[in-house]
N, C-alpha and C. Protein backbone atom coordinates (compact mmCIF):
# COMPACT_ATOMS: atom_id res chain seq x y z
N MET A 1 16.39 22.71 -12.92
CA MET A 1 15.97 21.82 -11.65
C MET A 1 16.65 20.41 -12.06
N LYS A 2 17.20 19.73 -11.03
CA LYS A 2 17.70 18.46 -11.25
C LYS A 2 16.65 17.50 -10.93
N SER A 3 16.78 16.21 -11.45
CA SER A 3 15.89 15.10 -11.14
C SER A 3 15.84 14.77 -9.74
N PRO A 4 14.60 14.54 -9.13
CA PRO A 4 14.43 14.24 -7.73
C PRO A 4 15.16 12.87 -7.29
N VAL A 5 16.01 12.96 -6.46
CA VAL A 5 16.77 11.73 -5.77
C VAL A 5 16.47 11.74 -4.44
N LEU A 6 16.41 10.58 -3.83
CA LEU A 6 16.00 10.38 -2.41
C LEU A 6 17.19 10.76 -1.68
N TYR A 7 17.12 11.70 -0.68
CA TYR A 7 18.21 12.11 0.18
C TYR A 7 18.08 11.63 1.46
N GLU A 8 19.19 11.14 2.15
CA GLU A 8 19.18 10.70 3.51
C GLU A 8 19.53 11.83 4.40
N ILE A 9 18.70 12.12 5.46
CA ILE A 9 19.11 13.14 6.47
C ILE A 9 19.50 12.45 7.71
N LYS A 10 20.57 12.99 8.28
CA LYS A 10 21.10 12.43 9.54
C LYS A 10 20.54 13.30 10.60
N VAL A 11 19.71 12.72 11.61
CA VAL A 11 19.17 13.26 12.73
C VAL A 11 19.72 12.85 13.85
N SER A 12 20.21 13.79 14.67
CA SER A 12 20.77 13.23 16.05
C SER A 12 19.95 13.90 17.22
N ASP A 13 19.25 14.93 16.94
CA ASP A 13 18.51 15.47 18.04
C ASP A 13 17.11 15.66 17.69
N TYR A 14 16.03 15.14 18.34
CA TYR A 14 14.67 15.19 17.93
C TYR A 14 13.85 16.35 18.69
N SER A 15 14.59 17.39 19.12
CA SER A 15 13.96 18.47 19.78
C SER A 15 13.26 19.32 18.69
N TYR A 16 12.24 20.00 19.08
CA TYR A 16 11.40 20.79 18.00
C TYR A 16 12.32 21.81 17.34
N MET A 17 13.14 22.49 17.81
CA MET A 17 14.00 23.66 17.27
C MET A 17 15.08 22.86 16.32
N SER A 18 15.63 21.82 16.81
CA SER A 18 16.81 21.34 15.94
C SER A 18 16.02 20.62 14.62
N LEU A 19 14.99 20.00 14.83
CA LEU A 19 14.17 19.36 13.70
C LEU A 19 13.74 20.40 12.75
N LYS A 20 13.29 21.56 13.25
CA LYS A 20 12.83 22.68 12.36
C LYS A 20 14.04 23.08 11.58
N GLN A 21 15.04 23.37 12.13
CA GLN A 21 16.23 23.93 11.49
C GLN A 21 16.74 22.74 10.44
N LEU A 22 16.74 21.60 10.90
CA LEU A 22 17.28 20.50 10.03
C LEU A 22 16.22 20.35 8.73
N PHE A 23 14.97 20.48 9.02
CA PHE A 23 13.99 20.42 7.88
C PHE A 23 14.25 21.47 6.82
N VAL A 24 14.42 22.76 7.44
CA VAL A 24 14.67 23.89 6.54
C VAL A 24 15.98 23.77 5.76
N ASN A 25 17.02 23.48 6.40
CA ASN A 25 18.34 23.28 5.76
C ASN A 25 18.38 22.19 4.67
N ASN A 26 17.64 21.02 4.83
CA ASN A 26 17.58 19.93 3.98
C ASN A 26 16.51 19.97 3.03
N GLN A 27 15.78 21.19 2.91
CA GLN A 27 14.64 21.31 1.97
C GLN A 27 13.73 20.18 1.99
N VAL A 28 13.25 19.85 3.22
CA VAL A 28 12.18 18.77 3.30
C VAL A 28 10.96 19.37 2.73
N GLY A 29 10.27 18.56 1.89
CA GLY A 29 9.07 19.04 1.13
C GLY A 29 9.39 19.45 -0.27
N ASN A 30 10.70 19.92 -0.56
CA ASN A 30 11.04 20.32 -1.84
C ASN A 30 11.87 19.14 -2.58
N VAL A 31 12.34 18.31 -1.68
CA VAL A 31 13.08 17.11 -2.29
C VAL A 31 12.60 15.89 -1.63
N PRO A 32 12.62 14.70 -2.17
CA PRO A 32 12.17 13.51 -1.50
C PRO A 32 13.41 13.09 -0.44
N ALA A 33 12.95 12.72 0.80
CA ALA A 33 13.92 12.51 1.79
C ALA A 33 13.52 11.50 2.67
N PHE A 34 14.54 10.89 3.47
CA PHE A 34 14.12 9.87 4.41
C PHE A 34 15.21 10.05 5.57
N PHE A 35 14.74 9.48 6.74
CA PHE A 35 15.78 9.46 7.79
C PHE A 35 15.28 8.38 8.77
N SER A 36 16.42 7.70 9.46
CA SER A 36 16.02 6.57 10.43
C SER A 36 15.86 7.16 11.71
N LEU A 37 14.70 6.75 12.34
CA LEU A 37 14.46 7.06 13.83
C LEU A 37 15.19 6.08 14.66
N GLU A 38 16.33 6.46 15.23
CA GLU A 38 17.20 5.50 15.92
C GLU A 38 17.13 5.74 17.40
N ILE A 39 15.77 5.33 17.85
CA ILE A 39 15.54 5.38 19.24
C ILE A 39 15.04 4.05 19.66
N GLU A 40 15.36 3.61 20.81
CA GLU A 40 15.07 2.31 21.41
C GLU A 40 13.84 2.26 22.18
N LYS A 41 13.72 3.29 23.18
CA LYS A 41 12.48 3.27 23.96
C LYS A 41 11.19 3.65 23.15
N GLU A 42 10.13 2.98 23.45
CA GLU A 42 8.87 3.08 22.88
C GLU A 42 8.41 4.54 23.14
N GLU A 43 8.41 4.96 24.34
CA GLU A 43 7.84 6.37 24.79
C GLU A 43 8.66 7.35 24.01
N LEU A 44 9.99 7.32 23.98
CA LEU A 44 10.69 8.35 23.20
C LEU A 44 10.32 8.39 21.67
N ILE A 45 9.99 7.18 21.15
CA ILE A 45 9.67 7.16 19.69
C ILE A 45 8.44 8.08 19.39
N ASP A 46 7.47 7.80 20.41
CA ASP A 46 6.17 8.49 20.26
C ASP A 46 6.50 9.95 20.34
N LEU A 47 7.32 10.47 21.42
CA LEU A 47 7.54 11.81 21.50
C LEU A 47 8.38 12.40 20.35
N ALA A 48 9.24 11.65 19.67
CA ALA A 48 9.94 12.08 18.56
C ALA A 48 9.05 12.27 17.42
N LEU A 49 8.04 11.32 17.20
CA LEU A 49 7.07 11.31 16.07
C LEU A 49 6.12 12.51 16.28
N GLU A 50 5.74 12.70 17.46
CA GLU A 50 4.82 14.05 17.76
C GLU A 50 5.69 15.15 17.48
N SER A 51 6.85 15.41 17.81
CA SER A 51 7.77 16.59 17.55
C SER A 51 7.83 16.71 16.03
N ILE A 52 8.10 15.62 15.29
CA ILE A 52 8.25 15.55 13.71
C ILE A 52 6.96 16.18 13.19
N ASP A 53 5.84 15.53 13.65
CA ASP A 53 4.47 15.88 13.19
C ASP A 53 4.22 17.41 13.38
N LYS A 54 4.58 17.96 14.49
CA LYS A 54 4.43 19.40 15.04
C LYS A 54 5.21 20.22 13.99
N VAL A 55 6.57 19.90 13.75
CA VAL A 55 7.40 20.69 13.01
C VAL A 55 6.81 20.80 11.51
N LEU A 56 6.33 19.56 11.01
CA LEU A 56 5.87 19.60 9.69
C LEU A 56 4.53 20.48 9.53
N THR A 57 3.85 20.43 10.62
CA THR A 57 2.60 21.29 10.55
C THR A 57 2.89 22.79 10.57
N ASP A 58 3.83 22.98 11.56
CA ASP A 58 4.12 24.48 11.69
C ASP A 58 4.94 25.05 10.43
N LEU A 59 5.63 24.20 9.69
CA LEU A 59 6.35 24.62 8.40
C LEU A 59 5.37 24.50 7.35
N ASN A 60 4.22 24.00 7.46
CA ASN A 60 3.34 23.86 6.42
C ASN A 60 3.78 22.92 5.24
N ILE A 61 4.38 21.81 5.66
CA ILE A 61 4.93 20.85 4.91
C ILE A 61 4.09 19.57 5.03
N ASN A 62 3.62 19.11 3.98
CA ASN A 62 2.81 17.85 3.93
C ASN A 62 3.92 16.54 3.72
N PRO A 63 3.91 15.59 4.55
CA PRO A 63 4.99 14.74 4.32
C PRO A 63 4.66 13.70 3.23
N ARG A 64 3.71 13.87 2.33
CA ARG A 64 3.42 13.12 1.18
C ARG A 64 3.52 13.90 -0.22
N PHE A 65 3.16 15.20 -0.01
CA PHE A 65 3.07 16.10 -1.39
C PHE A 65 3.96 17.37 -1.16
N PRO A 66 4.58 17.92 -2.11
CA PRO A 66 4.86 17.27 -3.47
C PRO A 66 5.94 16.18 -3.46
N PHE A 67 6.77 16.30 -2.52
CA PHE A 67 7.88 15.21 -2.28
C PHE A 67 7.83 14.70 -0.99
N PRO A 68 7.89 13.44 -0.88
CA PRO A 68 7.59 12.70 0.54
C PRO A 68 8.67 12.80 1.40
N LEU A 69 8.45 12.67 2.54
CA LEU A 69 9.47 12.53 3.65
C LEU A 69 9.12 11.06 4.39
N TYR A 70 10.14 10.11 4.27
CA TYR A 70 9.96 8.79 4.88
C TYR A 70 10.65 8.73 6.03
N ILE A 71 10.07 8.06 7.15
CA ILE A 71 10.69 7.80 8.41
C ILE A 71 10.88 6.39 8.59
N ILE A 72 12.09 5.94 8.75
CA ILE A 72 12.36 4.54 8.91
C ILE A 72 12.34 4.33 10.46
N CYS A 73 11.29 3.45 10.89
CA CYS A 73 10.94 3.43 12.26
C CYS A 73 10.39 1.89 12.60
N SER A 74 10.71 1.39 13.69
CA SER A 74 10.23 0.07 14.08
C SER A 74 8.79 -0.06 14.46
N LYS A 75 8.16 1.17 14.77
CA LYS A 75 6.90 1.29 15.29
C LYS A 75 5.89 1.19 14.18
N ARG A 76 4.70 0.65 14.55
CA ARG A 76 3.54 0.72 13.50
C ARG A 76 3.04 1.95 13.43
N ASN A 77 2.51 2.16 12.14
CA ASN A 77 2.09 3.74 11.80
C ASN A 77 0.63 4.00 12.51
N HIS A 78 0.70 4.69 13.67
CA HIS A 78 -0.57 5.21 14.19
C HIS A 78 -0.57 6.67 13.91
N PHE A 79 0.56 7.31 13.35
CA PHE A 79 0.51 8.56 12.94
C PHE A 79 0.06 8.57 11.46
N LYS A 80 -1.21 8.67 11.16
CA LYS A 80 -1.67 8.49 9.81
C LYS A 80 -1.06 9.50 8.62
N ASN A 81 -0.58 10.65 9.20
CA ASN A 81 -0.16 11.47 8.19
C ASN A 81 1.42 11.49 7.85
N LEU A 82 2.04 10.59 8.70
CA LEU A 82 3.52 10.46 8.43
C LEU A 82 3.72 9.15 7.71
N ASN A 83 4.82 9.25 6.88
CA ASN A 83 5.13 7.97 6.09
C ASN A 83 6.13 7.09 6.84
N LEU A 84 5.65 6.25 7.69
CA LEU A 84 6.59 5.45 8.41
C LEU A 84 6.77 4.16 7.70
N ILE A 85 7.99 3.75 7.55
CA ILE A 85 8.28 2.41 7.02
C ILE A 85 9.23 1.62 7.97
N GLN A 86 9.20 0.30 7.72
CA GLN A 86 9.97 -0.63 8.59
C GLN A 86 11.61 -0.65 8.24
N ASP A 87 11.94 -0.64 7.11
CA ASP A 87 13.34 -0.58 6.66
C ASP A 87 13.56 0.04 5.35
N LYS A 88 14.86 0.21 4.86
CA LYS A 88 15.25 0.94 3.69
C LYS A 88 14.67 0.28 2.40
N ASN A 89 14.51 -0.91 2.44
CA ASN A 89 13.91 -1.75 1.28
C ASN A 89 12.66 -1.33 0.81
N GLN A 90 11.77 -0.71 1.70
CA GLN A 90 10.37 -0.33 1.53
C GLN A 90 10.45 1.01 0.91
N LEU A 91 11.55 1.73 0.79
CA LEU A 91 11.55 3.00 0.08
C LEU A 91 11.25 2.95 -1.40
N PRO A 92 10.56 3.71 -1.84
CA PRO A 92 10.19 3.67 -3.31
C PRO A 92 11.35 3.65 -4.34
N SER A 93 11.39 2.71 -5.24
CA SER A 93 12.52 2.46 -6.10
C SER A 93 12.69 3.65 -7.18
N HIS A 94 11.60 4.42 -7.49
CA HIS A 94 11.77 5.46 -8.48
C HIS A 94 12.65 6.73 -8.03
N PHE A 95 12.90 6.72 -6.70
CA PHE A 95 13.71 7.77 -6.18
C PHE A 95 15.07 7.33 -5.98
N LYS A 96 15.42 5.96 -6.14
CA LYS A 96 16.63 5.42 -5.85
C LYS A 96 17.63 5.67 -7.03
N LYS A 97 17.21 6.15 -8.12
CA LYS A 97 18.01 6.10 -9.34
C LYS A 97 19.17 7.07 -9.12
N LYS A 98 20.41 6.71 -9.72
CA LYS A 98 21.51 7.63 -9.63
C LYS A 98 21.33 8.71 -10.69
N PRO A 99 21.59 10.15 -10.08
CA PRO A 99 21.44 11.22 -11.03
C PRO A 99 22.28 11.09 -12.28
N GLN A 100 21.70 11.51 -13.29
CA GLN A 100 22.18 11.52 -14.72
C GLN A 100 21.78 12.55 -15.45
N LYS A 101 22.45 12.99 -16.57
CA LYS A 101 22.26 14.00 -17.42
C LYS A 101 20.78 13.81 -18.16
N LEU A 102 19.84 14.66 -18.00
CA LEU A 102 18.59 14.53 -18.68
C LEU A 102 18.53 14.90 -20.04
N LYS A 103 17.64 14.22 -20.82
CA LYS A 103 17.35 14.65 -22.25
C LYS A 103 16.50 15.78 -22.19
N THR A 104 16.29 16.54 -23.49
CA THR A 104 15.55 17.73 -23.66
C THR A 104 13.95 17.40 -23.10
N LYS A 105 13.48 16.31 -23.60
CA LYS A 105 12.11 15.93 -23.22
C LYS A 105 11.92 15.87 -21.81
N GLU A 106 12.82 15.23 -21.05
CA GLU A 106 12.87 14.88 -19.60
C GLU A 106 12.95 16.24 -18.94
N MET A 107 13.60 17.06 -19.53
CA MET A 107 13.83 18.38 -18.74
C MET A 107 12.57 19.18 -18.91
N GLY A 108 11.75 19.12 -19.88
CA GLY A 108 10.52 19.73 -20.05
C GLY A 108 9.49 19.18 -19.02
N LEU A 109 9.48 17.75 -18.94
CA LEU A 109 8.66 17.11 -18.09
C LEU A 109 8.94 17.58 -16.60
N LEU A 110 10.31 17.62 -16.23
CA LEU A 110 10.68 18.11 -14.90
C LEU A 110 10.34 19.54 -14.67
N ALA A 111 10.34 20.34 -15.75
CA ALA A 111 9.96 21.72 -15.44
C ALA A 111 8.24 21.72 -15.19
N LYS A 112 7.60 20.92 -15.91
CA LYS A 112 6.08 20.86 -15.50
C LYS A 112 5.96 20.34 -14.04
N THR A 113 6.73 19.44 -13.59
CA THR A 113 6.73 18.89 -12.25
C THR A 113 7.09 19.92 -11.24
N GLU A 114 7.97 20.78 -11.64
CA GLU A 114 8.32 22.00 -10.66
C GLU A 114 7.11 22.96 -10.67
N ILE A 115 6.56 23.15 -11.66
CA ILE A 115 5.29 24.11 -11.62
C ILE A 115 4.08 23.52 -10.87
N SER A 116 3.90 22.14 -10.97
CA SER A 116 2.85 21.35 -10.30
C SER A 116 3.21 21.37 -8.77
N SER A 117 4.47 21.16 -8.52
CA SER A 117 4.80 21.14 -6.97
C SER A 117 4.59 22.53 -6.31
N SER A 118 4.88 23.64 -7.10
CA SER A 118 4.54 24.92 -6.49
C SER A 118 3.00 25.11 -6.31
N ARG A 119 2.35 24.55 -7.31
CA ARG A 119 0.89 24.80 -7.14
C ARG A 119 0.39 23.89 -5.82
N ILE A 120 1.00 22.81 -5.67
CA ILE A 120 0.57 22.01 -4.56
C ILE A 120 0.97 22.68 -3.23
N LYS A 121 2.12 23.32 -3.25
CA LYS A 121 2.43 24.12 -2.02
C LYS A 121 1.40 25.14 -1.74
N ASN A 122 0.78 25.68 -2.69
CA ASN A 122 -0.25 26.81 -2.46
C ASN A 122 -1.60 26.28 -2.00
N LEU A 123 -1.89 25.09 -2.24
CA LEU A 123 -3.04 24.47 -1.71
C LEU A 123 -3.20 24.10 -0.28
N ASP A 124 -4.45 24.09 0.16
CA ASP A 124 -4.50 23.69 1.63
C ASP A 124 -4.67 22.22 1.67
N ILE A 125 -3.52 21.56 1.76
CA ILE A 125 -3.44 20.21 1.54
C ILE A 125 -4.19 19.32 2.69
N LYS A 126 -4.26 19.88 3.90
CA LYS A 126 -4.96 19.18 5.00
C LYS A 126 -6.47 19.16 4.59
N LYS A 127 -7.09 20.03 4.06
CA LYS A 127 -8.57 20.11 3.70
C LYS A 127 -8.69 19.11 2.51
N LYS A 128 -7.69 19.14 1.56
CA LYS A 128 -7.77 18.22 0.45
C LYS A 128 -7.79 16.74 0.93
N MET A 129 -6.91 16.49 1.79
CA MET A 129 -6.78 15.04 2.36
C MET A 129 -7.87 14.70 3.12
N GLU A 130 -8.49 15.47 3.87
CA GLU A 130 -9.80 15.28 4.48
C GLU A 130 -10.91 14.86 3.59
N LEU A 131 -10.99 15.70 2.42
CA LEU A 131 -11.95 15.52 1.40
C LEU A 131 -11.62 14.21 0.75
N LEU A 132 -10.33 14.00 0.42
CA LEU A 132 -10.06 12.66 -0.26
C LEU A 132 -10.48 11.48 0.68
N LYS A 133 -10.18 11.55 1.97
CA LYS A 133 -10.55 10.52 3.00
C LYS A 133 -11.99 10.25 2.99
N ASP A 134 -12.65 11.45 3.08
CA ASP A 134 -14.22 11.29 3.06
C ASP A 134 -14.75 10.59 1.81
N LEU A 135 -14.16 10.97 0.71
CA LEU A 135 -14.76 10.50 -0.62
C LEU A 135 -14.35 8.85 -0.58
N SER A 136 -13.06 8.69 -0.11
CA SER A 136 -12.80 7.10 -0.09
C SER A 136 -13.49 6.28 0.76
N ASP A 137 -13.84 6.89 1.90
CA ASP A 137 -14.66 6.16 2.80
C ASP A 137 -16.04 5.93 2.25
N GLY A 138 -16.71 6.86 1.64
CA GLY A 138 -17.80 6.66 0.98
C GLY A 138 -17.82 5.55 -0.13
N GLN A 139 -16.83 5.58 -0.91
CA GLN A 139 -16.56 4.56 -1.94
C GLN A 139 -16.30 3.12 -1.29
N ARG A 140 -15.47 3.20 -0.30
CA ARG A 140 -15.34 1.85 0.49
C ARG A 140 -16.79 1.18 0.95
N LEU A 141 -17.48 2.07 1.39
CA LEU A 141 -18.80 1.78 1.97
C LEU A 141 -19.69 1.18 0.84
N LEU A 142 -19.76 2.03 -0.24
CA LEU A 142 -20.51 1.59 -1.46
C LEU A 142 -19.99 0.26 -1.99
N SER A 143 -18.84 0.12 -2.01
CA SER A 143 -18.14 -1.18 -2.45
C SER A 143 -18.57 -2.42 -1.63
N GLU A 144 -18.48 -2.25 -0.26
CA GLU A 144 -18.99 -3.19 0.49
C GLU A 144 -20.53 -3.66 0.57
N LEU A 145 -21.29 -2.56 0.28
CA LEU A 145 -22.79 -2.70 0.12
C LEU A 145 -22.90 -3.38 -1.24
N THR A 146 -22.27 -3.08 -2.18
CA THR A 146 -22.51 -3.67 -3.55
C THR A 146 -22.10 -5.12 -3.32
N ARG A 147 -21.02 -5.45 -2.80
CA ARG A 147 -20.45 -6.81 -2.72
C ARG A 147 -21.57 -7.72 -1.94
N GLU A 148 -22.04 -6.98 -0.81
CA GLU A 148 -23.09 -7.62 -0.06
C GLU A 148 -24.36 -7.93 -0.89
N SER A 149 -24.89 -7.00 -1.60
CA SER A 149 -25.98 -7.06 -2.44
C SER A 149 -25.80 -8.11 -3.60
N TYR A 150 -24.57 -8.29 -4.18
CA TYR A 150 -24.29 -9.23 -5.09
C TYR A 150 -24.38 -10.65 -4.59
N PHE A 151 -23.86 -10.83 -3.24
CA PHE A 151 -23.79 -12.07 -2.69
C PHE A 151 -25.21 -12.53 -2.38
N TYR A 152 -26.17 -11.56 -1.88
CA TYR A 152 -27.58 -12.01 -1.76
C TYR A 152 -28.23 -12.28 -3.04
N GLN A 153 -27.94 -11.61 -4.16
CA GLN A 153 -28.52 -11.96 -5.44
C GLN A 153 -28.14 -13.26 -5.80
N GLN A 154 -26.92 -13.72 -5.63
CA GLN A 154 -26.34 -15.01 -6.05
C GLN A 154 -27.22 -16.06 -5.09
N VAL A 155 -27.42 -15.89 -3.80
CA VAL A 155 -28.07 -16.80 -2.91
C VAL A 155 -29.49 -16.89 -3.47
N LEU A 156 -30.16 -15.83 -3.73
CA LEU A 156 -31.57 -15.88 -4.15
C LEU A 156 -31.59 -16.57 -5.47
N SER A 157 -30.76 -16.31 -6.51
CA SER A 157 -30.80 -17.17 -7.65
C SER A 157 -30.62 -18.63 -7.60
N LYS A 158 -29.68 -18.97 -6.59
CA LYS A 158 -29.47 -20.48 -6.30
C LYS A 158 -30.89 -20.98 -5.73
N LEU A 159 -31.44 -20.28 -4.76
CA LEU A 159 -32.65 -20.68 -4.21
C LEU A 159 -33.66 -20.91 -5.13
N LYS A 160 -33.81 -20.06 -6.12
CA LYS A 160 -34.99 -20.02 -7.07
C LYS A 160 -34.61 -21.25 -7.91
N LYS A 161 -33.42 -21.54 -8.36
CA LYS A 161 -32.99 -22.64 -9.11
C LYS A 161 -33.42 -24.07 -8.37
N GLU A 162 -33.11 -24.16 -7.08
CA GLU A 162 -33.37 -25.34 -6.29
C GLU A 162 -34.85 -25.46 -6.23
N ASN A 163 -35.55 -24.29 -6.06
CA ASN A 163 -37.07 -24.45 -5.91
C ASN A 163 -37.74 -24.94 -7.22
N LYS A 164 -37.14 -24.38 -8.28
CA LYS A 164 -37.68 -24.94 -9.70
C LYS A 164 -37.34 -26.35 -9.96
N GLU A 165 -36.15 -26.82 -9.44
CA GLU A 165 -35.88 -28.26 -9.66
C GLU A 165 -36.62 -29.14 -8.74
N HIS A 166 -37.11 -28.72 -7.58
CA HIS A 166 -37.96 -29.60 -6.73
C HIS A 166 -39.30 -29.45 -6.94
N SER A 167 -39.81 -28.61 -7.85
CA SER A 167 -41.19 -28.48 -8.11
C SER A 167 -41.61 -29.19 -9.13
């Protein structure tokens, strides 16, 4: 297996069947990839993103794991499961490296990555992502409550100090 390098996919047609064939041919989900959504009209961008989302769901490809699919698009990300970015500069730099001959240790690590990626393919990633979201929401709420509690403790301690000074 060669080291993962970010591949650019040229998309000309955003219909369901052409996207499905394009994703299968370019091994989306097995290699990190990106493409530019070159559509001007806002409504057509939404339709294309919905079509992309449907194809990924039908092919059982998660756009984040094991290898990401990035979509360069001017639209803000309201498709929470798609990796929408504004321009090429936002692509992760660790995939931009030029391919080179790997050392023995790096080949061993890459083999482990291949095994891990095959295990990730066998998982039900949607359920795991929902679980992760639920856990993160709970942790976020706990953090906010802790911050609020700390604030009230600080206010209380200041009030007690002022009360002692005035007595």
